[in-house]
Amino acid sequence: MYWTFDLASYLNDAPWPATKEELIDYATRTGAPEEVIENLEMLEEDETPYESMQEIWPDYPTSSDDFYYTEE
């Protein structure tokens, strides 16, 4: 399973919190690339809803500092 910012962006408007199956359904209905659906299918089989993208991809960039290299 691999995530990129581009792939994760397809879940920005997902109905959080959501279970694995709800996220797969959302990704399918919104036309997300196959890689997004494959990544979601690799998640653990658990009925506990995910609260955000950070629970799926712990390294998900959450601030502008995460997007850019700082010049030193």
N, C-alpha and C. Protein backbone atom coordinates (compact mmCIF):
# COMPACT_ATOMS: atom_id res chain seq x y z
N MET A 1 0.85 -1.17 0.00
CA MET A 1 0.00 0.00 0.00
C MET A 1 0.90 1.23 0.00
N TYR A 2 0.62 2.15 -0.86
CA TYR A 2 1.34 3.41 -0.88
C TYR A 2 0.34 4.54 -1.09
N TRP A 3 0.63 5.66 -0.46
CA TRP A 3 -0.20 6.84 -0.61
C TRP A 3 0.66 7.99 -1.10
N THR A 4 0.08 8.82 -1.90
CA THR A 4 0.68 10.09 -2.28
C THR A 4 -0.34 11.17 -1.96
N PHE A 5 0.11 12.40 -1.93
CA PHE A 5 -0.83 13.48 -1.66
C PHE A 5 -1.93 13.50 -2.72
N ASP A 6 -1.55 13.24 -3.96
CA ASP A 6 -2.52 13.24 -5.06
C ASP A 6 -3.59 12.17 -4.84
N LEU A 7 -3.17 10.96 -4.47
CA LEU A 7 -4.15 9.89 -4.23
C LEU A 7 -5.02 10.20 -3.01
N ALA A 8 -4.41 10.69 -1.95
CA ALA A 8 -5.16 11.00 -0.73
C ALA A 8 -6.18 12.11 -0.96
N SER A 9 -5.90 13.00 -1.90
CA SER A 9 -6.81 14.11 -2.16
C SER A 9 -8.19 13.64 -2.63
N TYR A 10 -8.28 12.43 -3.16
CA TYR A 10 -9.58 11.90 -3.59
C TYR A 10 -10.49 11.60 -2.41
N LEU A 11 -9.92 11.57 -1.21
CA LEU A 11 -10.72 11.29 -0.02
C LEU A 11 -10.96 12.53 0.83
N ASN A 12 -10.56 13.71 0.35
CA ASN A 12 -10.73 14.93 1.13
C ASN A 12 -12.17 15.17 1.54
N ASP A 13 -13.11 14.90 0.67
CA ASP A 13 -14.52 15.16 0.96
C ASP A 13 -15.28 13.91 1.38
N ALA A 14 -14.55 12.88 1.76
CA ALA A 14 -15.21 11.64 2.20
C ALA A 14 -16.03 11.91 3.45
N PRO A 15 -17.05 11.12 3.68
CA PRO A 15 -17.92 11.33 4.84
C PRO A 15 -17.28 10.81 6.13
N TRP A 16 -16.28 11.54 6.64
CA TRP A 16 -15.59 11.11 7.87
C TRP A 16 -16.50 11.29 9.06
N PRO A 17 -16.49 10.46 10.05
CA PRO A 17 -15.82 9.17 10.11
C PRO A 17 -16.49 8.15 9.19
N ALA A 18 -15.68 7.21 8.72
CA ALA A 18 -16.20 6.22 7.77
C ALA A 18 -15.46 4.89 7.94
N THR A 19 -16.19 3.82 7.72
CA THR A 19 -15.58 2.49 7.77
C THR A 19 -14.85 2.23 6.46
N LYS A 20 -14.11 1.17 6.44
CA LYS A 20 -13.38 0.77 5.23
C LYS A 20 -14.34 0.63 4.05
N GLU A 21 -15.44 -0.06 4.26
CA GLU A 21 -16.40 -0.29 3.18
C GLU A 21 -17.04 1.01 2.70
N GLU A 22 -17.33 1.92 3.62
CA GLU A 22 -17.90 3.21 3.23
C GLU A 22 -16.90 4.01 2.40
N LEU A 23 -15.62 3.95 2.77
CA LEU A 23 -14.60 4.67 2.00
C LEU A 23 -14.43 4.08 0.61
N ILE A 24 -14.46 2.76 0.51
CA ILE A 24 -14.36 2.11 -0.80
C ILE A 24 -15.56 2.51 -1.66
N ASP A 25 -16.75 2.49 -1.08
CA ASP A 25 -17.96 2.88 -1.81
C ASP A 25 -17.85 4.34 -2.27
N TYR A 26 -17.40 5.21 -1.39
CA TYR A 26 -17.25 6.63 -1.74
C TYR A 26 -16.25 6.80 -2.88
N ALA A 27 -15.10 6.14 -2.77
CA ALA A 27 -14.06 6.25 -3.80
C ALA A 27 -14.57 5.74 -5.15
N THR A 28 -15.32 4.66 -5.13
CA THR A 28 -15.88 4.10 -6.36
C THR A 28 -16.89 5.06 -6.99
N ARG A 29 -17.80 5.58 -6.16
CA ARG A 29 -18.84 6.48 -6.67
C ARG A 29 -18.30 7.79 -7.21
N THR A 30 -17.17 8.26 -6.64
CA THR A 30 -16.63 9.55 -7.07
C THR A 30 -15.59 9.43 -8.17
N GLY A 31 -15.34 8.22 -8.62
CA GLY A 31 -14.42 8.03 -9.74
C GLY A 31 -12.95 8.12 -9.37
N ALA A 32 -12.61 7.76 -8.16
CA ALA A 32 -11.20 7.78 -7.74
C ALA A 32 -10.42 6.74 -8.53
N PRO A 33 -9.13 6.98 -8.73
CA PRO A 33 -8.31 6.01 -9.47
C PRO A 33 -8.27 4.65 -8.78
N GLU A 34 -8.00 3.64 -9.54
CA GLU A 34 -7.94 2.27 -9.02
C GLU A 34 -6.95 2.14 -7.87
N GLU A 35 -5.86 2.91 -7.90
CA GLU A 35 -4.85 2.84 -6.83
C GLU A 35 -5.45 3.21 -5.48
N VAL A 36 -6.37 4.18 -5.46
CA VAL A 36 -7.02 4.58 -4.21
C VAL A 36 -7.86 3.43 -3.67
N ILE A 37 -8.63 2.81 -4.54
CA ILE A 37 -9.49 1.70 -4.13
C ILE A 37 -8.64 0.51 -3.66
N GLU A 38 -7.56 0.22 -4.38
CA GLU A 38 -6.67 -0.87 -3.97
C GLU A 38 -6.06 -0.60 -2.60
N ASN A 39 -5.64 0.64 -2.35
CA ASN A 39 -5.08 0.98 -1.04
C ASN A 39 -6.12 0.81 0.05
N LEU A 40 -7.34 1.22 -0.21
CA LEU A 40 -8.40 1.07 0.79
C LEU A 40 -8.72 -0.40 1.04
N GLU A 41 -8.68 -1.21 0.00
CA GLU A 41 -8.94 -2.64 0.17
C GLU A 41 -7.89 -3.33 1.03
N MET A 42 -6.69 -2.74 1.11
CA MET A 42 -5.61 -3.33 1.91
C MET A 42 -5.72 -2.98 3.40
N LEU A 43 -6.64 -2.09 3.75
CA LEU A 43 -6.81 -1.76 5.16
C LEU A 43 -7.32 -2.98 5.92
N GLU A 44 -7.06 -2.99 7.23
CA GLU A 44 -7.50 -4.10 8.06
C GLU A 44 -9.02 -4.21 8.05
N GLU A 45 -9.48 -5.43 8.15
CA GLU A 45 -10.93 -5.69 8.25
C GLU A 45 -11.38 -5.33 9.66
N ASP A 46 -11.96 -4.16 9.78
CA ASP A 46 -12.39 -3.68 11.09
C ASP A 46 -13.62 -2.81 10.88
N GLU A 47 -14.58 -2.95 11.74
CA GLU A 47 -15.81 -2.16 11.63
C GLU A 47 -15.68 -0.80 12.30
N THR A 48 -14.55 -0.55 12.96
CA THR A 48 -14.34 0.74 13.60
C THR A 48 -14.10 1.80 12.53
N PRO A 49 -14.85 2.88 12.58
CA PRO A 49 -14.68 3.91 11.55
C PRO A 49 -13.35 4.65 11.70
N TYR A 50 -12.82 5.06 10.57
CA TYR A 50 -11.64 5.91 10.53
C TYR A 50 -12.12 7.34 10.69
N GLU A 51 -11.44 8.11 11.54
CA GLU A 51 -11.85 9.48 11.82
C GLU A 51 -11.35 10.47 10.78
N SER A 52 -10.21 10.14 10.14
CA SER A 52 -9.62 11.06 9.18
C SER A 52 -8.58 10.33 8.34
N MET A 53 -8.05 11.03 7.36
CA MET A 53 -7.01 10.47 6.50
C MET A 53 -5.76 10.15 7.31
N GLN A 54 -5.50 10.87 8.39
CA GLN A 54 -4.33 10.61 9.21
C GLN A 54 -4.34 9.22 9.84
N GLU A 55 -5.51 8.65 10.07
CA GLU A 55 -5.59 7.30 10.61
C GLU A 55 -5.24 6.25 9.56
N ILE A 56 -5.46 6.58 8.30
CA ILE A 56 -5.15 5.66 7.21
C ILE A 56 -3.70 5.81 6.79
N TRP A 57 -3.25 7.05 6.68
CA TRP A 57 -1.88 7.37 6.26
C TRP A 57 -1.27 8.29 7.32
N PRO A 58 -0.57 7.70 8.31
CA PRO A 58 -0.04 8.51 9.42
C PRO A 58 0.89 9.64 8.99
N ASP A 59 1.54 9.53 7.84
CA ASP A 59 2.44 10.58 7.37
C ASP A 59 1.73 11.62 6.51
N TYR A 60 0.42 11.62 6.50
CA TYR A 60 -0.35 12.56 5.69
C TYR A 60 0.03 13.98 6.06
N PRO A 61 0.43 14.82 5.10
CA PRO A 61 0.80 16.20 5.41
C PRO A 61 -0.40 16.99 5.91
N THR A 62 -0.23 17.63 7.05
CA THR A 62 -1.35 18.35 7.64
C THR A 62 -1.12 19.85 7.74
N SER A 63 0.10 20.32 7.47
CA SER A 63 0.36 21.75 7.51
C SER A 63 1.18 22.15 6.29
N SER A 64 1.22 23.42 6.03
CA SER A 64 1.95 23.89 4.85
C SER A 64 3.44 23.56 4.96
N ASP A 65 3.96 23.44 6.17
CA ASP A 65 5.37 23.07 6.35
C ASP A 65 5.66 21.67 5.83
N ASP A 66 4.65 20.81 5.84
CA ASP A 66 4.83 19.44 5.35
C ASP A 66 4.90 19.39 3.83
N PHE A 67 4.44 20.43 3.15
CA PHE A 67 4.39 20.42 1.69
C PHE A 67 5.66 20.95 1.04
N TYR A 68 6.39 21.77 1.75
CA TYR A 68 7.53 22.45 1.16
C TYR A 68 8.79 22.19 1.96
N TYR A 69 9.89 22.13 1.24
CA TYR A 69 11.18 22.06 1.93
C TYR A 69 11.52 23.47 2.40
N THR A 70 12.05 23.57 3.58
CA THR A 70 12.44 24.89 4.05
C THR A 70 13.84 25.21 3.58
N GLU A 71 14.03 26.44 3.22
CA GLU A 71 15.35 26.87 2.76
C GLU A 71 16.18 27.28 3.95
N GLU A 72 17.38 26.76 4.03
CA GLU A 72 18.26 27.10 5.15
C GLU A 72 19.51 27.73 4.64
